[in-house]
Protein backbone atom coordinates (compact mmCIF):
# COMPACT_ATOMS: atom_id res chain seq x y z
CA MET A 1 47.39 -32.05 -4.35
CA ARG A 2 51.04 -31.38 -3.59
CA ARG A 3 52.07 -32.90 -6.89
CA PHE A 4 49.71 -30.58 -8.66
CA LEU A 5 51.05 -27.54 -6.81
CA ALA A 6 54.62 -28.62 -7.51
CA ALA A 7 53.82 -29.07 -11.20
CA VAL A 8 52.24 -25.61 -11.33
CA LEU A 9 55.26 -24.11 -9.56
CA VAL A 10 57.73 -25.84 -11.87
CA SER A 11 55.82 -24.76 -14.96
CA ALA A 12 55.61 -21.18 -13.66
CA VAL A 13 59.35 -21.08 -12.96
CA ALA A 14 60.13 -22.62 -16.37
CA ALA A 15 57.74 -20.31 -18.22
CA ALA A 16 58.98 -17.14 -16.51
CA PRO A 17 62.23 -16.83 -18.58
CA ALA A 18 60.37 -17.67 -21.81
CA ALA A 19 57.74 -15.02 -21.08
CA ALA A 20 60.44 -12.52 -20.20
CA GLN A 21 62.19 -13.14 -23.51
CA THR A 22 59.08 -12.57 -25.58
CA ALA A 23 58.04 -9.41 -23.77
CA VAL A 24 59.63 -6.18 -24.88
CA ALA A 25 60.63 -4.15 -21.86
CA PRO A 26 61.72 -0.52 -22.13
CA ALA A 27 65.39 -0.04 -21.46
CA ALA A 28 64.86 2.81 -19.01
CA THR A 29 62.73 0.83 -16.51
CA ALA A 30 64.41 -2.57 -16.29
CA ALA A 31 62.84 -4.70 -13.51
CA PRO A 32 65.23 -6.63 -11.30
CA ALA A 33 65.26 -10.38 -11.97
CA ILE A 34 63.58 -12.61 -9.36
CA ASN A 35 65.99 -14.91 -7.62
CA PRO A 36 64.14 -18.16 -6.60
CA HIS A 37 66.93 -19.03 -4.16
CA ALA A 38 66.27 -15.79 -2.27
CA LEU A 39 62.61 -16.73 -1.92
CA GLY A 40 63.48 -20.08 -0.34
CA ILE A 41 62.24 -22.19 -3.25
CA SER A 42 64.29 -25.28 -3.90
CA LEU A 43 63.14 -27.56 -6.69
CA SER A 44 65.37 -30.36 -5.43
CA ARG A 45 63.72 -30.25 -1.99
CA ILE A 46 60.24 -30.23 -3.55
CA SER A 47 61.01 -33.22 -5.77
CA ARG A 48 62.64 -35.08 -2.84
CA ARG A 49 59.55 -34.47 -0.66
CA LEU A 50 57.14 -35.60 -3.40
CA ALA A 51 59.16 -38.75 -4.02
CA ALA A 52 59.21 -39.57 -0.29
CA GLU A 53 55.44 -39.10 0.02
CA SER A 54 54.69 -41.20 -3.06
CA ASP A 55 56.94 -44.00 -1.74
CA ALA A 56 55.26 -43.85 1.67
CA ARG A 57 51.81 -44.00 0.12
CA ASN A 58 52.71 -46.89 -2.19
CA GLU A 59 53.84 -49.08 0.71
CA GLY A 60 50.24 -49.78 1.80
CA ALA A 61 49.20 -53.29 2.81
CA SER A 62 46.32 -53.43 0.34
CA PRO A 63 47.16 -55.24 -2.92
CA LEU A 64 44.45 -53.24 -4.69
CA LYS A 65 45.96 -49.94 -3.53
CA LEU A 66 42.62 -48.55 -2.41
CA GLU A 67 44.16 -46.07 0.00
CA PHE A 68 43.43 -42.41 -0.48
CA HIS A 69 45.02 -39.57 1.43
CA VAL A 70 43.44 -36.15 1.51
CA ASP A 71 45.03 -33.08 3.03
CA VAL A 72 42.39 -30.68 4.30
CA TYR A 73 43.19 -27.12 5.24
CA GLY A 74 40.71 -24.82 6.88
CA ASN A 75 39.99 -22.42 9.68
CA ALA A 76 39.50 -23.74 13.18
CA PRO A 77 36.13 -22.95 14.79
CA GLN A 78 36.02 -20.13 17.28
CA LEU A 79 36.26 -21.12 20.91
CA ARG A 80 33.43 -19.52 22.84
CA PHE A 81 33.69 -19.87 26.57
CA PHE A 82 30.81 -19.31 29.00
CA THR A 83 28.00 -19.61 26.45
CA GLY A 84 24.51 -20.28 27.75
CA GLN A 85 25.31 -18.97 31.23
CA ASP A 86 24.05 -15.87 32.91
CA LEU A 87 27.25 -14.30 34.17
CA VAL A 88 25.53 -11.20 35.54
CA TYR A 89 22.50 -12.54 37.44
CA GLY A 90 23.29 -16.27 37.65
CA GLY A 91 24.11 -18.33 40.71
CA VAL A 92 27.13 -17.34 42.72
CA PRO A 93 30.01 -19.78 42.09
CA GLY A 94 30.95 -21.70 45.21
CA SER A 95 27.72 -20.86 47.05
CA ALA A 96 25.25 -23.30 48.60
CA PRO A 97 22.72 -24.96 46.28
CA THR A 98 19.16 -23.73 46.20
CA HIS A 99 16.18 -25.73 47.47
CA ARG A 100 15.25 -26.70 43.90
CA ASP A 101 18.83 -27.89 43.25
CA MET A 102 18.73 -30.10 46.35
CA LEU A 103 15.35 -31.59 45.41
CA THR A 104 16.60 -32.35 41.91
CA HIS A 105 19.76 -33.90 43.32
CA VAL A 106 18.14 -36.23 45.86
CA THR A 107 14.97 -37.19 43.93
CA PRO A 108 15.41 -40.12 41.51
CA GLN A 109 14.55 -39.51 37.86
CA ALA A 110 11.60 -41.91 37.97
CA PHE A 111 9.90 -39.79 40.62
CA ARG A 112 10.59 -36.50 38.84
CA SER A 113 8.40 -37.49 35.90
CA PRO A 114 5.05 -35.74 35.37
CA ARG A 115 2.22 -36.68 37.72
CA VAL A 116 -0.76 -38.83 36.75
CA ASP A 117 -3.90 -36.96 35.70
CA PHE A 118 -6.43 -38.67 37.97
CA LEU A 119 -9.32 -36.53 36.71
CA SER A 120 -8.86 -37.87 33.16
CA LEU A 121 -8.61 -41.42 34.45
CA LEU A 122 -11.80 -40.97 36.48
CA ALA A 123 -13.64 -39.39 33.50
CA GLY A 124 -12.55 -42.24 31.22
CA ALA A 125 -13.68 -44.86 33.71
CA ALA A 126 -17.05 -43.08 34.12
CA MET A 127 -17.59 -42.97 30.34
CA PHE A 128 -16.70 -46.66 30.03
CA GLY A 129 -19.10 -47.53 32.86
CA ALA A 130 -21.91 -45.46 31.30
CA LYS A 131 -21.46 -47.23 27.95
CA LYS A 132 -21.54 -50.64 29.64
CA ALA A 133 -24.73 -49.65 31.51
CA GLN A 134 -26.41 -48.53 28.25
CA ASP A 135 -25.42 -51.78 26.53
CA TRP A 136 -26.74 -53.83 29.45
CA ASN A 137 -30.04 -51.87 29.47
CA TYR A 138 -30.48 -52.35 25.70
CA ASP A 139 -29.80 -56.10 25.93
CA ARG A 140 -32.38 -56.38 28.74
CA GLN A 141 -35.04 -54.43 26.75
CA TYR A 142 -34.32 -56.47 23.61
CA GLU A 143 -34.78 -59.79 25.45
CA ALA A 144 -38.09 -58.56 26.89
CA TYR A 145 -39.23 -57.46 23.41
CA ARG A 146 -38.22 -60.80 21.87
CA LYS A 147 -40.21 -62.73 24.49
CA LEU A 148 -43.31 -60.58 23.92
CA VAL A 149 -43.07 -60.99 20.12
CA GLU A 150 -42.68 -64.77 20.51
CA ALA A 151 -45.79 -64.76 22.74
CA GLY A 152 -47.74 -63.10 19.91
CA GLN A 153 -48.15 -59.59 21.28
CA ASN A 154 -47.81 -56.52 19.10
CA VAL A 155 -45.34 -54.19 20.90
CA PRO A 156 -42.96 -51.49 19.58
CA ALA A 157 -39.30 -52.44 19.22
CA PRO A 158 -36.71 -50.87 21.52
CA LYS A 159 -34.58 -48.01 20.18
CA PRO A 160 -31.39 -49.30 18.48
CA ARG A 161 -27.92 -48.76 19.97
CA GLN A 162 -26.10 -45.59 19.16
């Protein structure tokens, strides 16, 4: 990136006199010539710096020279202090903790988890028990029907399971 900028700068400085020669300027309004030394531009310093950086980058330990260096310029993010805090109606700094703060502090995390829903557990157990009772009743009626049919009696079959 710096090499590119240096090349653009060198070409601009070299092209400036050529462009000035081709342009026809009126004699009454002659613009003062730009002095690059007054601007602090030194081509020798730029070339010395580029040579030093290329030598430093070529001294890498990798024989394949797979090292890449990228210079990134950007704006730093804004620092925002005191975000997410209620500075007007929040807790007073340095004051005693509230009852909820103390309970949270002294209660282990395992005991702060949500409570067990015993009603759902009881309803599930009742439904499971009712299904088992229906299955048991059907099996009992089916055995009685099978025995009567084997004995030669004509009886209606029990209702099938649902």
